[in-house]
């Protein structure tokens, strides 16, 4: 894979109350990615991830596993565009308030 990729993720399972957002932010920063993560009112975690396609693919793969204490049942992955990145500061991976 090459070029830049932007994906929108909805992660379902036991993913709230287990540090998933902070873990996701850290994983994004480790890979030099930009984007955001937040809890959703339905109990899922939502994220938008942008960066080199190979790094984004690795990020999606680790999100399918999640941090210790989480149980990921399903990750819905869809292509996204830059408009979804407007919620986060440029060049950062942020934790946003619950939607």
Protein backbone atom coordinates (compact mmCIF):
# COMPACT_ATOMS: atom_id res chain seq x y z
CA UNK A 1 0.00 0.00 0.00
CA UNK A 2 1.18 3.51 -0.67
CA UNK A 3 -0.15 7.03 -0.42
CA UNK A 4 -2.36 8.53 2.23
CA UNK A 5 -5.38 6.74 3.62
CA UNK A 6 -8.26 8.00 5.78
CA UNK A 7 -10.61 5.53 7.44
CA UNK A 8 -13.60 5.82 9.73
CA UNK A 9 -13.88 3.07 12.36
CA UNK A 10 -16.74 2.04 14.62
CA UNK A 11 -15.50 -0.47 17.18
CA UNK A 12 -18.04 -2.57 19.08
CA UNK A 13 -17.74 -4.87 22.07
CA UNK A 14 -16.50 -4.16 25.58
CA UNK A 15 -14.67 -1.03 24.50
CA UNK A 16 -15.78 1.64 26.97
CA UNK A 17 -14.43 1.88 30.50
CA UNK A 18 -11.27 -0.06 29.57
CA UNK A 19 -8.98 2.78 28.41
CA UNK A 20 -9.70 2.22 24.73
CA UNK A 21 -9.64 5.92 23.79
CA UNK A 22 -6.31 6.68 25.49
CA UNK A 23 -4.83 3.48 24.07
CA UNK A 24 -6.04 4.37 20.57
CA UNK A 25 -4.60 7.87 20.85
CA UNK A 26 -1.25 6.41 21.94
CA UNK A 27 -1.27 3.84 19.11
CA UNK A 28 -2.00 6.62 16.59
CA UNK A 29 0.80 8.78 17.95
CA UNK A 30 3.27 5.85 17.84
CA UNK A 31 2.53 5.48 14.14
CA UNK A 32 2.65 9.21 13.35
CA UNK A 33 -1.02 9.25 12.39
CA UNK A 34 -3.56 12.04 12.72
CA UNK A 35 -7.20 11.75 13.64
CA UNK A 36 -9.47 11.37 16.61
CA UNK A 37 -11.25 8.88 18.82
CA UNK A 38 -14.38 9.17 20.98
CA UNK A 39 -16.95 7.13 22.84
CA UNK A 40 -20.44 6.97 21.39
CA UNK A 41 -23.66 6.90 23.33
CA UNK A 42 -24.47 3.41 22.01
CA UNK A 43 -21.43 1.92 23.80
CA UNK A 44 -19.14 1.79 20.77
CA UNK A 45 -15.92 3.69 20.10
CA UNK A 46 -15.58 5.76 16.94
CA UNK A 47 -12.29 6.82 15.34
CA UNK A 48 -11.01 8.55 12.23
CA UNK A 49 -7.43 7.67 11.29
CA UNK A 50 -5.30 9.34 8.62
CA UNK A 51 -1.77 8.82 7.39
CA UNK A 52 0.38 6.57 5.22
CA UNK A 53 -1.73 3.66 4.01
CA UNK A 54 0.55 1.00 5.55
CA UNK A 55 0.47 2.68 8.97
CA UNK A 56 -3.31 3.13 8.81
CA UNK A 57 -3.68 -0.57 7.97
CA UNK A 58 -1.54 -1.45 11.01
CA UNK A 59 -3.69 0.83 13.17
CA UNK A 60 -6.88 -0.88 12.00
CA UNK A 61 -5.29 -4.25 12.77
CA UNK A 62 -4.40 -3.29 16.36
CA UNK A 63 -7.87 -1.78 16.87
CA UNK A 64 -9.30 -5.20 16.02
CA UNK A 65 -7.38 -6.52 19.06
CA UNK A 66 -7.77 -3.54 21.44
CA UNK A 67 -6.03 -2.88 24.74
CA UNK A 68 -5.88 -5.30 27.66
CA UNK A 69 -9.28 -5.55 29.31
CA UNK A 70 -11.24 -4.86 26.14
CA UNK A 71 -13.18 -7.34 24.04
CA UNK A 72 -13.55 -6.26 20.41
CA UNK A 73 -16.50 -7.98 18.77
CA UNK A 74 -16.59 -6.06 15.49
CA UNK A 75 -14.78 -3.24 13.68
CA UNK A 76 -16.70 -1.47 10.93
CA UNK A 77 -14.16 0.15 8.59
CA UNK A 78 -15.19 2.57 5.86
CA UNK A 79 -13.17 4.96 3.70
CA UNK A 80 -13.44 8.57 4.86
CA UNK A 81 -12.48 11.98 3.57
CA UNK A 82 -10.74 14.98 5.11
CA UNK A 83 -14.01 16.53 6.32
CA UNK A 84 -14.07 14.06 9.21
CA UNK A 85 -10.61 15.25 10.29
CA UNK A 86 -11.93 18.78 10.91
CA UNK A 87 -12.89 17.72 14.46
CA UNK A 88 -9.23 17.37 15.52
CA UNK A 89 -6.29 19.79 15.60
CA UNK A 90 -4.08 19.52 12.51
CA UNK A 91 -1.27 17.03 12.88
CA UNK A 92 -2.61 15.56 16.13
CA UNK A 93 -4.41 12.47 17.30
CA UNK A 94 -7.08 13.67 19.72
CA UNK A 95 -9.64 12.31 22.14
CA UNK A 96 -12.99 13.99 21.54
CA UNK A 97 -16.00 14.20 23.86
CA UNK A 98 -18.64 11.47 23.70
CA UNK A 99 -21.05 11.79 20.79
